[in-house]
């Protein structure tokens, strides 16, 4: 997997992983406390964690497939 594809995948996963926890914390705070706030610390932590792990997993998967082909 090239660096460009790896970066695009990281950004795509990061964007999705940023939106999902933001919506969850927004809805949780709205339902639980009646306040429209987003916990940005948790949101960015999950986004970085999932984007790094899922990109790394895909990179490893592609690397093993290339190794099996040789």
PDB file of N, CA and C in Angstrom:
ATOM      1  N   UNK A   1       0.857  -1.167   0.000  1.00  0.00           N
ATOM      2  CA  UNK A   1       0.000   0.000   0.000  1.00  0.00           C
ATOM      3  C   UNK A   1       0.904   1.232   0.000  1.00  0.00           C
ATOM      4  N   UNK A   2       0.631   2.135  -0.897  1.00  0.00           N
ATOM      5  CA  UNK A   2       1.464   3.329  -0.990  1.00  0.00           C
ATOM      6  C   UNK A   2       1.142   4.309   0.137  1.00  0.00           C
ATOM      7  N   UNK A   3       2.044   5.233   0.331  1.00  0.00           N
ATOM      8  CA  UNK A   3       1.873   6.239   1.388  1.00  0.00           C
ATOM      9  C   UNK A   3       0.633   7.087   1.115  1.00  0.00           C
ATOM     10  N   UNK A   4       0.387   7.403  -0.152  1.00  0.00           N
ATOM     11  CA  UNK A   4      -0.776   8.222  -0.507  1.00  0.00           C
ATOM     12  C   UNK A   4      -2.079   7.506  -0.155  1.00  0.00           C
ATOM     13  N   UNK A   5      -2.178   6.228  -0.509  1.00  0.00           N
ATOM     14  CA  UNK A   5      -3.378   5.451  -0.177  1.00  0.00           C
ATOM     15  C   UNK A   5      -3.532   5.289   1.334  1.00  0.00           C
ATOM     16  N   UNK A   6      -2.415   5.113   2.000  1.00  0.00           N
ATOM     17  CA  UNK A   6      -2.426   4.979   3.449  1.00  0.00           C
ATOM     18  C   UNK A   6      -2.921   6.266   4.114  1.00  0.00           C
ATOM     19  N   UNK A   7      -2.463   7.409   3.621  1.00  0.00           N
ATOM     20  CA  UNK A   7      -2.887   8.701   4.170  1.00  0.00           C
ATOM     21  C   UNK A   7      -4.365   8.953   3.900  1.00  0.00           C
ATOM     22  N   UNK A   8      -4.821   8.624   2.699  1.00  0.00           N
ATOM     23  CA  UNK A   8      -6.239   8.813   2.366  1.00  0.00           C
ATOM     24  C   UNK A   8      -7.110   7.926   3.236  1.00  0.00           C
ATOM     25  N   UNK A   9      -6.683   6.687   3.440  1.00  0.00           N
ATOM     26  CA  UNK A   9      -7.450   5.779   4.307  1.00  0.00           C
ATOM     27  C   UNK A   9      -7.482   6.290   5.745  1.00  0.00           C
ATOM     28  N   UNK A  10      -6.335   6.777   6.228  1.00  0.00           N
ATOM     29  CA  UNK A  10      -6.269   7.312   7.585  1.00  0.00           C
ATOM     30  C   UNK A  10      -7.234   8.487   7.748  1.00  0.00           C
ATOM     31  N   UNK A  11      -7.239   9.402   6.787  1.00  0.00           N
ATOM     32  CA  UNK A  11      -8.114  10.577   6.866  1.00  0.00           C
ATOM     33  C   UNK A  11      -9.586  10.173   6.791  1.00  0.00           C
ATOM     34  N   UNK A  12      -9.906   9.215   5.930  1.00  0.00           N
ATOM     35  CA  UNK A  12     -11.295   8.767   5.817  1.00  0.00           C
ATOM     36  C   UNK A  12     -11.770   8.116   7.113  1.00  0.00           C
ATOM     37  N   UNK A  13     -10.950   7.242   7.663  1.00  0.00           N
ATOM     38  CA  UNK A  13     -11.321   6.568   8.920  1.00  0.00           C
ATOM     39  C   UNK A  13     -11.388   7.576  10.062  1.00  0.00           C
ATOM     40  N   UNK A  14     -10.452   8.524  10.082  1.00  0.00           N
ATOM     41  CA  UNK A  14     -10.446   9.540  11.131  1.00  0.00           C
ATOM     42  C   UNK A  14     -11.728  10.379  11.080  1.00  0.00           C
ATOM     43  N   UNK A  15     -12.156  10.748   9.875  1.00  0.00           N
ATOM     44  CA  UNK A  15     -13.366  11.554   9.731  1.00  0.00           C
ATOM     45  C   UNK A  15     -14.588  10.803  10.232  1.00  0.00           C
ATOM     46  N   UNK A  16     -14.719   9.563   9.829  1.00  0.00           N
ATOM     47  CA  UNK A  16     -15.860   8.757  10.285  1.00  0.00           C
ATOM     48  C   UNK A  16     -15.782   8.531  11.786  1.00  0.00           C
ATOM     49  N   UNK A  17     -14.593   8.241  12.267  1.00  0.00           N
ATOM     50  CA  UNK A  17     -14.410   7.993  13.697  1.00  0.00           C
ATOM     51  C   UNK A  17     -14.545   9.266  14.525  1.00  0.00           C
ATOM     52  N   UNK A  18     -14.439  10.420  13.915  1.00  0.00           N
ATOM     53  CA  UNK A  18     -14.643  11.674  14.631  1.00  0.00           C
ATOM     54  C   UNK A  18     -16.128  12.009  14.736  1.00  0.00           C
ATOM     55  N   UNK A  19     -16.858  11.747  13.672  1.00  0.00           N
ATOM     56  CA  UNK A  19     -18.283  12.094  13.634  1.00  0.00           C
ATOM     57  C   UNK A  19     -19.105  11.195  14.561  1.00  0.00           C
ATOM     58  N   UNK A  20     -18.816   9.896  14.550  1.00  0.00           N
ATOM     59  CA  UNK A  20     -19.621   8.958  15.343  1.00  0.00           C
ATOM     60  C   UNK A  20     -19.594   9.253  16.841  1.00  0.00           C
ATOM     61  N   UNK A  21     -18.432   9.376  17.490  1.00  0.00           N
ATOM     62  CA  UNK A  21     -18.444   9.690  18.922  1.00  0.00           C
ATOM     63  C   UNK A  21     -18.977  11.093  19.219  1.00  0.00           C
ATOM     64  N   UNK A  22     -18.786  12.021  18.284  1.00  0.00           N
ATOM     65  CA  UNK A  22     -19.331  13.366  18.498  1.00  0.00           C
ATOM     66  C   UNK A  22     -20.852  13.305  18.578  1.00  0.00           C
ATOM     67  N   UNK A  23     -21.467  12.550  17.676  1.00  0.00           N
ATOM     68  CA  UNK A  23     -22.924  12.407  17.724  1.00  0.00           C
ATOM     69  C   UNK A  23     -23.380  11.661  18.975  1.00  0.00           C
ATOM     70  N   UNK A  24     -22.635  10.640  19.353  1.00  0.00           N
ATOM     71  CA  UNK A  24     -23.006   9.873  20.550  1.00  0.00           C
ATOM     72  C   UNK A  24     -22.933  10.742  21.796  1.00  0.00           C
ATOM     73  N   UNK A  25     -21.841  11.494  21.964  1.00  0.00           N
ATOM     74  CA  UNK A  25     -21.730  12.331  23.166  1.00  0.00           C
ATOM     75  C   UNK A  25     -22.732  13.481  23.138  1.00  0.00           C
ATOM     76  N   UNK A  26     -23.012  14.010  21.948  1.00  0.00           N
ATOM     77  CA  UNK A  26     -24.022  15.066  21.838  1.00  0.00           C
ATOM     78  C   UNK A  26     -25.391  14.547  22.257  1.00  0.00           C
ATOM     79  N   UNK A  27     -25.777  13.401  21.713  1.00  0.00           N
ATOM     80  CA  UNK A  27     -27.085  12.838  22.069  1.00  0.00           C
ATOM     81  C   UNK A  27     -27.134  12.407  23.523  1.00  0.00           C
ATOM     82  N   UNK A  28     -26.043  11.850  24.028  1.00  0.00           N
ATOM     83  CA  UNK A  28     -26.011  11.437  25.431  1.00  0.00           C
ATOM     84  C   UNK A  28     -26.208  12.646  26.355  1.00  0.00           C
ATOM     85  N   UNK A  29     -25.473  13.710  26.093  1.00  0.00           N
ATOM     86  CA  UNK A  29     -25.602  14.899  26.930  1.00  0.00           C
ATOM     87  C   UNK A  29     -26.964  15.555  26.766  1.00  0.00           C
ATOM     88  N   UNK A  30     -27.518  15.489  25.573  1.00  0.00           N
ATOM     89  CA  UNK A  30     -28.838  16.068  25.346  1.00  0.00           C
ATOM     90  C   UNK A  30     -29.912  15.294  26.100  1.00  0.00           C
ATOM     91  N   UNK A  31     -29.842  13.974  26.047  1.00  0.00           N
ATOM     92  CA  UNK A  31     -30.834  13.143  26.736  1.00  0.00           C
ATOM     93  C   UNK A  31     -30.618  13.168  28.250  1.00  0.00           C
ATOM     94  N   UNK A  32     -29.384  12.974  28.669  1.00  0.00           N
ATOM     95  CA  UNK A  32     -29.080  12.839  30.093  1.00  0.00           C
ATOM     96  C   UNK A  32     -29.152  14.166  30.844  1.00  0.00           C
ATOM     97  N   UNK A  33     -28.579  15.225  30.247  1.00  0.00           N
ATOM     98  CA  UNK A  33     -28.446  16.483  30.977  1.00  0.00           C
ATOM     99  C   UNK A  33     -29.249  17.635  30.378  1.00  0.00           C
ATOM    100  N   UNK A  34     -29.806  17.440  29.192  1.00  0.00           N
ATOM    101  CA  UNK A  34     -30.528  18.512  28.535  1.00  0.00           C
ATOM    102  C   UNK A  34     -29.604  19.603  28.019  1.00  0.00           C
ATOM    103  N   UNK A  35     -28.352  19.261  27.807  1.00  0.00           N
ATOM    104  CA  UNK A  35     -27.342  20.232  27.386  1.00  0.00           C
ATOM    105  C   UNK A  35     -26.727  19.765  26.064  1.00  0.00           C
ATOM    106  N   UNK A  36     -26.568  20.685  25.139  1.00  0.00           N
ATOM    107  CA  UNK A  36     -26.009  20.342  23.822  1.00  0.00           C
ATOM    108  C   UNK A  36     -24.500  20.570  23.805  1.00  0.00           C
ATOM    109  N   UNK A  37     -23.775  19.665  24.430  1.00  0.00           N
ATOM    110  CA  UNK A  37     -22.317  19.764  24.437  1.00  0.00           C
ATOM    111  C   UNK A  37     -21.724  18.467  23.904  1.00  0.00           C
ATOM    112  N   UNK A  38     -20.544  18.591  23.335  1.00  0.00           N
ATOM    113  CA  UNK A  38     -19.814  17.445  22.811  1.00  0.00           C
ATOM    114  C   UNK A  38     -18.527  17.318  23.615  1.00  0.00           C
ATOM    115  N   UNK A  39     -18.230  16.122  24.036  1.00  0.00           N
ATOM    116  CA  UNK A  39     -16.991  15.863  24.762  1.00  0.00           C
ATOM    117  C   UNK A  39     -15.876  15.665  23.733  1.00  0.00           C
ATOM    118  N   UNK A  40     -15.175  16.753  23.406  1.00  0.00           N
ATOM    119  CA  UNK A  40     -14.178  16.716  22.341  1.00  0.00           C
ATOM    120  C   UNK A  40     -12.964  15.887  22.707  1.00  0.00           C
ATOM    121  N   UNK A  41     -12.621  15.824  23.965  1.00  0.00           N
ATOM    122  CA  UNK A  41     -11.480  15.012  24.378  1.00  0.00           C
ATOM    123  C   UNK A  41     -11.697  13.544  24.068  1.00  0.00           C
ATOM    124  N   UNK A  42     -12.839  13.028  24.447  1.00  0.00           N
ATOM    125  CA  UNK A  42     -13.175  11.641  24.161  1.00  0.00           C
ATOM    126  C   UNK A  42     -13.327  11.416  22.663  1.00  0.00           C
ATOM    127  N   UNK A  43     -13.934  12.362  21.980  1.00  0.00           N
ATOM    128  CA  UNK A  43     -14.161  12.234  20.547  1.00  0.00           C
ATOM    129  C   UNK A  43     -12.847  12.133  19.785  1.00  0.00           C
ATOM    130  N   UNK A  44     -11.895  13.016  20.066  1.00  0.00           N
ATOM    131  CA  UNK A  44     -10.606  12.966  19.373  1.00  0.00           C
ATOM    132  C   UNK A  44      -9.790  11.746  19.780  1.00  0.00           C
ATOM    133  N   UNK A  45      -9.902  11.335  21.035  1.00  0.00           N
ATOM    134  CA  UNK A  45      -9.184  10.148  21.479  1.00  0.00           C
ATOM    135  C   UNK A  45      -9.654   8.927  20.699  1.00  0.00           C
ATOM    136  N   UNK A  46     -10.970   8.730  20.594  1.00  0.00           N
ATOM    137  CA  UNK A  46     -11.498   7.611  19.827  1.00  0.00           C
ATOM    138  C   UNK A  46     -11.145   7.717  18.352  1.00  0.00           C
ATOM    139  N   UNK A  47     -11.216   8.919  17.792  1.00  0.00           N
ATOM    140  CA  UNK A  47     -10.905   9.101  16.374  1.00  0.00           C
ATOM    141  C   UNK A  47      -9.456   8.731  16.082  1.00  0.00           C
ATOM    142  N   UNK A  48      -8.517   9.218  16.892  1.00  0.00           N
ATOM    143  CA  UNK A  48      -7.111   8.875  16.685  1.00  0.00           C
ATOM    144  C   UNK A  48      -6.871   7.384  16.893  1.00  0.00           C
ATOM    145  N   UNK A  49      -7.441   6.827  17.934  1.00  0.00           N
ATOM    146  CA  UNK A  49      -7.243   5.414  18.234  1.00  0.00           C
ATOM    147  C   UNK A  49      -7.752   4.532  17.103  1.00  0.00           C
ATOM    148  N   UNK A  50      -9.005   4.740  16.691  1.00  0.00           N
ATOM    149  CA  UNK A  50      -9.576   3.903  15.650  1.00  0.00           C
ATOM    150  C   UNK A  50      -8.910   4.117  14.297  1.00  0.00           C
ATOM    151  N   UNK A  51      -8.555   5.340  13.972  1.00  0.00           N
ATOM    152  CA  UNK A  51      -7.929   5.571  12.675  1.00  0.00           C
ATOM    153  C   UNK A  51      -6.546   4.945  12.609  1.00  0.00           C
ATOM    154  N   UNK A  52      -5.789   5.010  13.688  1.00  0.00           N
ATOM    155  CA  UNK A  52      -4.472   4.371  13.698  1.00  0.00           C
ATOM    156  C   UNK A  52      -4.609   2.852  13.656  1.00  0.00           C
ATOM    157  N   UNK A  53      -5.461   2.295  14.491  1.00  0.00           N
ATOM    158  CA  UNK A  53      -5.597   0.842  14.538  1.00  0.00           C
ATOM    159  C   UNK A  53      -6.175   0.248  13.260  1.00  0.00           C
ATOM    160  N   UNK A  54      -7.218   0.853  12.714  1.00  0.00           N
ATOM    161  CA  UNK A  54      -7.828   0.299  11.516  1.00  0.00           C
ATOM    162  C   UNK A  54      -6.948   0.476  10.286  1.00  0.00           C
ATOM    163  N   UNK A  55      -6.232   1.587  10.201  1.00  0.00           N
ATOM    164  CA  UNK A  55      -5.305   1.776   9.093  1.00  0.00           C
ATOM    165  C   UNK A  55      -4.144   0.794   9.199  1.00  0.00           C
ATOM    166  N   UNK A  56      -3.618   0.607  10.394  1.00  0.00           N
ATOM    167  CA  UNK A  56      -2.534  -0.340  10.601  1.00  0.00           C
ATOM    168  C   UNK A  56      -2.981  -1.759  10.265  1.00  0.00           C
ATOM    169  N   UNK A  57      -4.199  -2.126  10.656  1.00  0.00           N
ATOM    170  CA  UNK A  57      -4.732  -3.459  10.377  1.00  0.00           C
ATOM    171  C   UNK A  57      -4.843  -3.691   8.870  1.00  0.00           C
ATOM    172  N   UNK A  58      -5.352  -2.714   8.158  1.00  0.00           N
ATOM    173  CA  UNK A  58      -5.484  -2.846   6.703  1.00  0.00           C
ATOM    174  C   UNK A  58      -4.107  -2.924   6.042  1.00  0.00           C
ATOM    175  N   UNK A  59      -3.162  -2.136   6.532  1.00  0.00           N
ATOM    176  CA  UNK A  59      -1.803  -2.163   5.990  1.00  0.00           C
ATOM    177  C   UNK A  59      -1.171  -3.539   6.186  1.00  0.00           C
ATOM    178  N   UNK A  60      -1.342  -4.112   7.374  1.00  0.00           N
ATOM    179  CA  UNK A  60      -0.799  -5.449   7.655  1.00  0.00           C
ATOM    180  C   UNK A  60      -1.464  -6.507   6.774  1.00  0.00           C
ATOM    181  N   UNK A  61      -2.776  -6.370   6.584  1.00  0.00           N
ATOM    182  CA  UNK A  61      -3.512  -7.310   5.738  1.00  0.00           C
ATOM    183  C   UNK A  61      -3.007  -7.253   4.294  1.00  0.00           C
ATOM    184  N   UNK A  62      -2.807  -6.046   3.781  1.00  0.00           N
ATOM    185  CA  UNK A  62      -2.307  -5.877   2.416  1.00  0.00           C
ATOM    186  C   UNK A  62      -0.873  -6.405   2.299  1.00  0.00           C
ATOM    187  N   UNK A  63      -0.073  -6.201   3.335  1.00  0.00           N
ATOM    188  CA  UNK A  63       1.318  -6.651   3.322  1.00  0.00           C
ATOM    189  C   UNK A  63       1.390  -8.188   3.294  1.00  0.00           C
ATOM    190  N   UNK A  64       0.535  -8.864   4.054  1.00  0.00           N
ATOM    191  CA  UNK A  64       0.543 -10.321   4.051  1.00  0.00           C
ATOM    192  C   UNK A  64       0.013 -10.869   2.731  1.00  0.00           C
ATOM    193  N   UNK A  65      -0.959 -10.208   2.116  1.00  0.00           N
ATOM    194  CA  UNK A  65      -1.449 -10.648   0.808  1.00  0.00           C
ATOM    195  C   UNK A  65      -0.364 -10.502  -0.248  1.00  0.00           C
ATOM    196  N   UNK A  66       0.421  -9.440  -0.175  1.00  0.00           N
ATOM    197  CA  UNK A  66       1.514  -9.271  -1.117  1.00  0.00           C
ATOM    198  C   UNK A  66       2.595 -10.325  -0.885  1.00  0.00           C
ATOM    199  N   UNK A  67       2.809 -10.674   0.355  1.00  0.00           N
ATOM    200  CA  UNK A  67       3.801 -11.703   0.673  1.00  0.00           C
ATOM    201  C   UNK A  67       3.358 -13.082   0.210  1.00  0.00           C
ATOM    202  N   UNK A  68       2.061 -13.368   0.271  1.00  0.00           N
ATOM    203  CA  UNK A  68       1.538 -14.645  -0.197  1.00  0.00           C
ATOM    204  C   UNK A  68       1.601 -14.752  -1.704  1.00  0.00           C
ATOM    205  N   UNK A  69       1.477 -13.627  -2.403  1.00  0.00           N
ATOM    206  CA  UNK A  69       1.506 -13.625  -3.873  1.00  0.00           C
ATOM    207  C   UNK A  69       2.905 -13.892  -4.395  1.00  0.00           C
ATOM    208  N   UNK A  70       3.934 -13.541  -3.608  1.00  0.00           N
ATOM    209  CA  UNK A  70       5.314 -13.723  -4.081  1.00  0.00           C
ATOM    210  C   UNK A  70       5.790 -15.113  -3.877  1.00  0.00           C
TER     211      UNK A  70
END
